[in-house]
Protein backbone atom coordinates (compact mmCIF):
# COMPACT_ATOMS: atom_id res chain seq x y z
CA MET A 1 126.33 97.40 81.42
CA GLY A 2 126.86 97.73 85.16
CA PHE A 3 126.05 100.75 87.38
CA ARG A 4 129.90 101.58 87.36
CA ASP A 5 129.56 102.40 83.71
CA PHE A 6 127.22 105.10 84.13
CA HIS A 7 128.10 108.76 84.88
CA PRO A 8 127.75 109.45 88.64
CA ALA A 9 125.26 112.32 87.89
CA VAL A 10 123.07 109.73 86.02
CA LEU A 11 123.13 107.49 89.08
CA ALA A 12 122.45 110.39 91.27
CA THR A 13 119.47 111.58 89.24
CA ALA A 14 118.14 107.89 88.90
CA LEU A 15 118.15 107.69 92.71
CA ALA A 16 116.43 111.02 93.10
CA THR A 17 113.85 109.84 90.55
CA PHE A 18 113.05 106.76 92.62
CA ILE A 19 112.51 108.93 95.70
CA ALA A 20 110.30 111.29 93.81
CA PHE A 21 108.09 108.68 92.23
CA LEU A 22 107.38 107.06 95.59
CA GLY A 23 105.06 110.03 95.92
CA ILE A 24 102.83 108.70 93.08
CA GLY A 25 102.35 105.23 94.23
CA VAL A 26 102.13 106.02 97.83
CA VAL A 27 98.56 107.31 97.44
CA ASP A 28 97.15 104.24 95.87
CA PRO A 29 96.65 101.85 98.94
CA ILE A 30 95.20 104.70 101.14
CA LEU A 31 92.55 105.84 98.73
CA PRO A 32 89.61 103.70 100.27
CA SER A 33 90.66 104.93 103.70
CA ILE A 34 90.69 108.41 102.62
CA ALA A 35 87.16 108.11 101.04
CA LYS A 36 85.83 106.43 104.26
CA GLU A 37 87.26 108.82 106.81
CA LEU A 38 86.69 112.02 105.00
CA GLY A 39 83.31 110.91 103.65
CA ALA A 40 84.02 111.38 100.03
CA ASP A 41 82.69 109.04 97.04
CA HIS A 42 84.93 107.64 94.20
CA PHE A 43 84.43 110.63 92.09
CA MET A 44 85.74 113.30 94.63
CA VAL A 45 88.76 110.87 95.66
CA MET A 46 89.97 110.72 92.15
CA PHE A 47 90.38 114.36 92.11
CA LEU A 48 93.52 113.76 94.18
CA PHE A 49 95.02 112.28 91.02
CA THR A 50 93.17 114.62 88.49
CA SER A 51 94.46 117.82 90.18
CA TYR A 52 98.02 116.48 90.37
CA LEU A 53 98.29 115.25 86.87
CA LEU A 54 96.46 118.16 85.18
CA VAL A 55 98.87 120.67 86.79
CA THR A 56 101.85 118.42 86.01
CA GLY A 57 100.83 118.29 82.47
CA LEU A 58 100.30 122.19 82.11
CA ALA A 59 103.31 122.99 84.16
CA ASN A 60 105.50 120.88 81.73
CA LEU A 61 104.89 123.57 79.13
CA VAL A 62 107.08 125.91 81.25
CA ALA A 63 109.35 123.57 83.06
CA GLY A 64 111.58 123.02 80.05
CA THR A 65 111.71 126.84 79.43
CA LEU A 66 112.65 127.53 83.16
CA ALA A 67 115.40 124.75 83.04
CA THR A 68 117.03 126.43 79.95
CA ARG A 69 117.00 129.73 81.99
CA ILE A 70 118.29 128.75 85.47
CA GLY A 71 119.70 125.47 84.69
CA SER A 72 118.28 121.88 85.04
CA LYS A 73 119.74 121.18 88.41
CA ASN A 74 118.30 124.24 89.93
CA THR A 75 114.88 123.62 88.44
CA MET A 76 115.00 120.05 89.63
CA LEU A 77 115.83 121.31 93.32
CA VAL A 78 112.94 123.88 93.12
CA GLY A 79 110.65 120.97 92.05
CA ILE A 80 111.61 118.50 94.83
CA GLY A 81 111.35 121.31 97.42
CA ILE A 82 107.66 121.92 96.31
CA VAL A 83 106.88 118.34 96.55
CA ALA A 84 108.30 118.09 100.07
CA VAL A 85 106.22 121.18 101.17
CA PHE A 86 102.91 120.16 99.78
CA ALA A 87 103.26 116.40 100.58
CA GLY A 88 103.69 117.38 104.17
CA GLY A 89 100.71 119.71 103.85
CA CYS A 90 98.52 116.78 102.60
CA ALA A 91 99.01 115.05 105.90
CA LEU A 92 97.45 117.89 107.79
CA VAL A 93 94.31 118.65 105.90
CA SER A 94 90.73 117.47 107.04
CA SER A 95 88.85 117.58 103.45
CA VAL A 96 89.35 116.14 99.99
CA GLU A 97 88.95 119.45 98.50
CA SER A 98 91.73 120.86 100.41
CA MET A 99 93.91 117.88 99.70
CA ALA A 100 93.17 118.12 95.99
CA VAL A 101 94.48 121.79 95.91
CA LEU A 102 97.65 120.72 97.77
CA ARG A 103 97.98 117.80 95.19
CA GLY A 104 97.82 120.28 92.51
CA PHE A 105 101.01 122.12 93.91
CA TRP A 106 102.55 118.81 94.30
CA GLY A 107 101.93 118.22 90.61
CA LEU A 108 103.74 121.50 89.82
CA GLY A 109 106.85 120.29 91.72
CA ASN A 110 106.70 116.88 89.87
CA ALA A 111 106.67 118.75 86.52
CA LEU A 112 109.65 120.58 87.37
CA PHE A 113 111.50 117.49 88.57
CA THR A 114 110.50 114.96 85.67
CA THR A 115 111.34 117.28 82.87
CA THR A 116 114.77 118.26 84.13
CA ALA A 117 115.64 114.74 85.58
CA LEU A 118 115.35 113.13 82.05
CA ALA A 119 117.20 116.10 80.50
CA ILE A 120 120.07 115.65 83.05
CA ILE A 121 120.20 111.88 82.42
CA VAL A 122 120.41 112.29 78.58
CA GLY A 123 122.77 115.20 78.80
CA VAL A 124 125.44 113.62 80.77
CA SER A 125 125.22 109.96 79.33
CA ALA A 126 127.90 110.60 76.60
CA GLY A 127 126.38 108.57 73.76
CA ASN A 128 124.61 105.96 75.90
CA SER A 129 121.34 107.81 76.16
CA GLY A 130 119.29 104.88 75.37
CA ARG A 131 120.77 102.75 78.28
CA ALA A 132 120.50 105.84 80.52
CA ILE A 133 116.84 106.29 79.63
CA THR A 134 116.19 102.71 80.57
CA LEU A 135 117.79 103.30 83.99
CA TYR A 136 115.52 106.44 84.45
CA GLU A 137 112.42 104.35 83.65
CA ALA A 138 113.52 101.55 85.86
CA ALA A 139 114.06 104.03 88.68
CA LEU A 140 110.70 105.53 87.96
CA GLY A 141 109.02 102.13 87.96
CA PHE A 142 110.79 101.07 91.28
CA GLY A 143 109.69 104.25 92.83
CA ILE A 144 106.06 103.77 91.74
CA ALA A 145 106.34 100.04 92.88
CA CYS A 146 107.72 100.88 96.29
CA GLY A 147 105.25 103.75 96.92
CA PRO A 148 102.23 101.39 97.34
CA LEU A 149 104.38 99.22 99.63
CA LEU A 150 105.33 102.16 101.74
CA GLY A 151 101.73 103.58 101.56
CA GLY A 152 100.38 100.16 102.67
CA PHE A 153 102.80 99.90 105.49
CA LEU A 154 102.25 103.34 106.72
CA GLY A 155 98.68 103.55 105.76
CA ALA A 156 97.64 100.64 107.81
CA GLN A 157 98.24 103.01 110.89
CA SER A 158 96.85 106.15 109.40
CA TRP A 159 96.26 107.52 105.92
CA ARG A 160 98.20 110.72 106.89
CA LEU A 161 101.51 108.88 107.54
CA PRO A 162 102.26 108.06 103.84
CA PHE A 163 102.09 111.77 103.13
CA ALA A 164 104.35 112.64 105.84
CA GLY A 165 106.86 110.00 104.96
CA THR A 166 106.93 111.15 101.36
CA SER A 167 107.67 114.61 102.62
CA VAL A 168 110.60 113.42 104.62
CA LEU A 169 112.00 111.25 101.81
CA MET A 170 111.75 114.29 99.41
CA LEU A 171 113.70 116.41 101.79
CA LEU A 172 116.45 113.79 101.87
CA GLY A 173 116.27 113.78 98.04
CA PHE A 174 116.78 117.43 98.06
CA VAL A 175 120.08 117.18 100.04
CA PHE A 176 121.16 114.32 97.97
CA VAL A 177 120.67 116.14 94.53
CA ALA A 178 122.03 119.33 95.88
CA THR A 179 125.31 117.59 96.86
CA THR A 180 125.81 114.92 94.11
CA VAL A 181 124.13 116.02 90.80
CA THR A 182 126.05 117.98 88.25
CA GLU A 183 124.72 120.27 85.66
CA PRO A 184 124.91 118.94 82.07
CA ASP A 185 126.26 120.97 79.26
CA THR A 186 124.43 124.24 78.85
CA GLU A 187 121.89 124.42 76.13
CA GLY A 188 120.55 127.67 74.49
CA ARG A 189 117.50 129.50 75.94
CA GLU A 190 114.19 128.38 74.52
CA GLY A 191 110.85 130.01 75.42
CA VAL A 192 107.37 128.30 75.51
CA ARG A 193 106.98 129.20 71.89
CA ALA A 194 109.91 126.99 71.01
CA LEU A 195 108.52 124.27 73.18
CA ILE A 196 105.13 124.48 71.32
CA GLY A 197 107.08 124.56 68.10
CA THR A 198 108.35 121.01 68.86
CA PHE A 199 104.85 119.71 67.75
CA ARG A 200 105.47 120.67 64.23
CA HIS A 201 107.51 117.70 63.75
CA THR A 202 105.16 114.78 62.84
CA GLY A 203 107.05 112.28 64.97
CA VAL A 204 107.12 114.55 67.94
CA ARG A 205 103.34 115.27 67.69
CA THR A 206 102.58 111.77 67.01
CA ASN A 207 104.53 110.27 69.83
CA ALA A 208 103.14 112.90 72.39
CA ILE A 209 99.58 112.04 71.20
CA VAL A 210 100.22 108.33 71.56
CA GLY A 211 101.80 109.03 75.13
CA MET A 212 98.70 110.98 76.02
CA LEU A 213 96.42 108.28 75.13
CA TYR A 214 98.53 105.52 76.79
CA THR A 215 98.79 107.42 79.96
CA TYR A 216 95.10 107.60 80.27
CA GLY A 217 95.02 103.76 80.37
CA PHE A 218 98.01 103.84 82.80
CA PHE A 219 96.22 105.92 85.33
CA THR A 220 92.97 104.16 84.89
CA VAL A 221 94.73 101.08 86.27
CA LEU A 222 96.90 103.15 88.88
CA ALA A 223 94.34 105.38 90.19
CA TYR A 224 91.00 103.72 89.81
CA THR A 225 91.68 100.04 90.42
CA PRO A 226 92.34 100.41 94.22
CA LEU A 227 88.81 101.48 94.60
CA VAL A 228 87.38 98.35 93.26
CA LEU A 229 89.54 95.57 94.72
CA GLU A 230 86.85 94.64 97.20
CA GLY A 231 88.02 92.84 100.35
CA PHE A 232 91.51 93.83 100.07
CA THR A 233 93.22 95.45 102.98
CA THR A 234 95.41 98.48 102.56
CA MET A 235 98.52 96.49 102.88
CA GLN A 236 97.28 93.96 100.28
CA ILE A 237 96.48 96.87 97.78
CA GLY A 238 100.09 97.96 98.35
CA LEU A 239 101.36 94.37 97.57
CA VAL A 240 99.45 94.24 94.46
CA PHE A 241 100.75 97.53 93.09
CA PHE A 242 104.25 96.61 94.42
CA ALA A 243 104.31 93.40 92.17
CA TRP A 244 102.85 95.49 89.25
CA GLY A 245 105.75 97.98 89.71
CA LEU A 246 108.27 95.43 89.66
CA LEU A 247 107.01 94.15 86.35
CA VAL A 248 107.15 97.76 85.07
CA ILE A 249 110.76 97.59 85.91
CA VAL A 250 111.26 94.29 84.08
CA GLY A 251 109.51 95.76 81.10
CA SER A 252 111.31 98.76 80.85
CA ALA A 253 114.82 97.74 81.87
CA VAL A 254 115.08 94.11 80.73
CA LEU A 255 112.64 93.47 78.01
CA ALA A 256 112.69 96.90 76.30
CA PRO A 257 116.43 96.96 75.38
CA ARG A 258 116.40 93.39 74.10
CA LEU A 259 113.17 93.53 72.17
CA ASN A 260 113.94 96.97 70.68
CA ALA A 261 117.39 95.68 69.51
CA ARG A 262 115.69 92.88 67.66
CA PHE A 263 112.44 94.36 66.43
CA GLY A 264 112.62 98.25 66.60
CA THR A 265 111.27 100.57 69.19
CA PRO A 266 108.02 101.56 67.37
CA GLU A 267 107.34 97.94 66.64
CA VAL A 268 107.61 96.98 70.18
CA ALA A 269 105.61 100.03 71.41
CA SER A 270 102.75 98.79 68.88
CA ALA A 271 102.87 95.30 70.34
CA ALA A 272 102.67 96.65 73.95
CA LEU A 273 99.78 98.84 73.26
CA THR A 274 97.83 95.90 71.86
CA ALA A 275 98.66 93.82 74.89
CA PHE A 276 97.69 96.60 77.26
CA ALA A 277 94.28 97.11 75.60
CA ALA A 278 93.67 93.38 75.68
CA LEU A 279 94.42 93.21 79.39
CA LEU A 280 92.05 96.22 80.14
CA CYS A 281 89.30 94.39 78.14
CA LEU A 282 89.89 91.31 80.37
CA MET A 283 89.69 93.75 83.58
CA TRP A 284 86.33 94.70 82.23
CA LEU A 285 84.94 91.15 81.92
CA VAL A 286 86.24 89.53 85.10
CA SER A 287 84.22 89.66 88.32
CA SER A 288 86.78 88.25 90.70
CA PRO A 289 88.84 90.83 92.75
CA MET A 290 91.75 88.23 92.72
CA VAL A 291 91.80 87.80 89.09
CA LEU A 292 91.50 91.56 88.56
CA ALA A 293 94.49 91.84 90.81
CA GLY A 294 96.42 89.37 88.81
CA LEU A 295 95.60 91.17 85.49
CA VAL A 296 96.86 94.52 87.10
CA VAL A 297 100.16 93.05 87.95
CA THR A 298 100.47 91.35 84.50
CA ALA A 299 99.82 94.88 82.93
CA GLY A 300 103.06 96.12 84.50
CA LEU A 301 105.03 94.36 81.75
CA ALA A 302 103.20 96.35 78.90
CA CYS A 303 103.49 99.61 80.97
CA GLY A 304 107.14 99.16 81.36
CA LEU A 305 107.74 98.66 77.72
CA LEU A 306 105.61 101.76 76.78
CA ASN A 307 107.33 103.94 79.43
CA ALA A 308 110.77 103.24 78.13
CA ASN A 309 109.91 103.27 74.38
CA LEU A 310 107.82 106.52 74.32
CA SER A 311 110.32 108.19 76.40
CA THR A 312 113.10 107.12 74.22
CA LEU A 313 111.36 108.35 71.13
CA ALA A 314 110.47 111.60 72.71
CA MET A 315 114.10 112.39 73.36
CA GLY A 316 115.42 111.02 69.99
CA ILE A 317 113.20 112.78 67.65
CA SER A 318 113.23 116.57 68.44
CA THR A 319 115.96 118.86 67.52
CA HIS A 320 115.09 121.31 70.27
CA SER A 321 116.81 121.45 73.61
CA ARG A 322 116.41 118.26 75.84
CA PRO A 323 114.34 120.14 78.54
CA SER A 324 111.91 121.35 75.85
CA ALA A 325 111.59 117.95 74.11
CA SER A 326 110.99 116.37 77.45
CA GLY A 327 108.61 119.25 78.55
CA ALA A 328 106.61 118.98 75.34
CA TYR A 329 106.19 115.18 75.64
CA ASN A 330 105.22 115.19 79.41
CA SER A 331 102.74 117.97 78.76
CA LEU A 332 100.51 115.97 76.73
CA ARG A 333 101.39 112.72 78.54
CA PHE A 334 100.29 113.90 81.94
CA THR A 335 97.53 116.04 80.54
CA GLY A 336 95.94 112.76 79.14
CA GLY A 337 96.46 110.94 82.46
CA ALA A 338 94.60 113.71 84.28
CA PHE A 339 91.36 112.90 82.89
CA ALA A 340 91.47 109.21 83.49
CA PRO A 341 90.79 109.25 87.29
CA ILE A 342 88.03 111.61 87.37
CA VAL A 343 86.29 110.01 84.26
CA ALA A 344 86.78 106.58 85.71
CA GLY A 345 85.48 107.60 89.06
CA TYR A 346 82.34 109.19 87.45
CA ILE A 347 81.57 106.43 85.18
CA GLY A 348 82.39 103.62 87.61
CA GLY A 349 80.12 105.32 90.30
CA ASN A 350 77.20 105.78 87.86
CA TYR A 351 77.33 103.20 85.11
CA GLY A 352 79.17 100.18 86.49
CA ALA A 353 82.41 99.65 88.35
CA ALA A 354 84.02 97.65 85.33
CA LEU A 355 83.07 100.08 82.69
CA PRO A 356 86.09 102.34 83.04
CA PHE A 357 88.40 99.47 82.05
CA LEU A 358 86.52 99.08 78.84
CA LEU A 359 86.85 102.86 78.08
CA GLY A 360 90.75 102.58 78.90
CA ALA A 361 90.87 99.79 76.42
CA ALA A 362 89.24 101.87 73.75
CA VAL A 363 91.50 104.97 74.40
CA ILE A 364 94.61 102.67 74.24
CA THR A 365 93.32 101.21 70.91
CA LEU A 366 92.96 104.64 69.56
CA GLY A 367 96.66 105.33 70.46
CA LEU A 368 97.66 102.21 68.60
CA ILE A 369 95.65 103.44 65.45
CA VAL A 370 97.45 106.75 65.73
CA LEU A 371 100.76 105.22 65.96
CA LEU A 372 100.24 102.88 63.05
CA ALA A 373 98.96 105.65 60.87
CA ARG A 374 102.19 107.61 61.33
CA PHE A 375 104.71 104.71 61.48
CA SER A 376 106.86 106.23 58.89
CA ALA A 377 107.71 109.18 61.24
CA PHE A 378 109.78 106.71 63.34
CA THR A 379 111.77 105.22 60.62
CA PHE A 380 114.93 106.39 62.43
CA ALA A 381 114.28 104.05 65.30
CA THR A 382 115.65 100.91 63.56
CA PRO A 383 117.20 98.05 65.59
CA ASP A 384 120.57 99.32 64.87
CA ALA A 385 119.76 102.95 65.94
CA VAL A 386 118.09 102.19 69.10
CA GLY A 387 121.13 102.34 71.29
CA ASP A 388 121.78 105.88 70.01
CA HIS A 389 118.48 107.10 71.29
């Protein structure tokens, strides 16, 4: 399927997703510079991710509800506008504490965007939601991949420039979405109670818990690793995570559809969790920063498979509205990720720089156990049915 086969709104939203997720990866290469120039330790710097992710997770509880009331497009525009304002604010602050507060508001905007972007893509995909989700995850991965490259390039001049650059890109994204994205078919209004009610479904609950545990490992790699790549320049860190992001795209857009069609979505997710846990164990064992960088890049394949498959399951299981289904999944997903940076920063600073990777492997393994224990909840995701989800 080529780009011309997608609905224009799907392509427009995917491009906006790419721009939005630049803002996650753009921080990676400049973390050591922020720590040095603002006099903060690893634990404090990790608050930049934790505040962002925690607010993102909690805000997803209301993002879906808001979208059913004012529309997915309007909600997405509000989210993009918030990110543009507070990303610009991060370029002006002089303390990690102030930046962490602004990053929290940035997370609010991200929640409003991510919930509605996925809902719009699925809503207008006309029976091809599986392929549309693949495109969404590819755009997400490419945004995260290019973010470190942008951060490394601009951050080599000043750590403030990547934040300013993100703000400008989000303003462009706002104009782009406002003029090109169309509203999908209207769904009935649902409140927060309905969103929470989605967790009564065993499959929804299981998938959200697995997503939460996986995202812990994901942000252990994304947020913590830049601080322990000793001897790497800002640009070199950006290149490492650019390569990682490219493999995220390969995993989500190339491998996931083919492997799912042959083996089934939950089966592939189980294998990817196993591989990711093994890679984190290797990160714990190695002592060479170059080898660690290679393992980080390789982990992109597993992350891509899991991003695509867990999102596919989230949107395919629930009988509630698409914004509510997406909001329920993302609320736990990002809440799990919120604890990874701060826990990794504390453990790494006090008990050994490599130990956070072992903890990440243990958390991922727990996610695998949860998935295998409730495998029957995903029997709908057979190889023949994957394309419908």
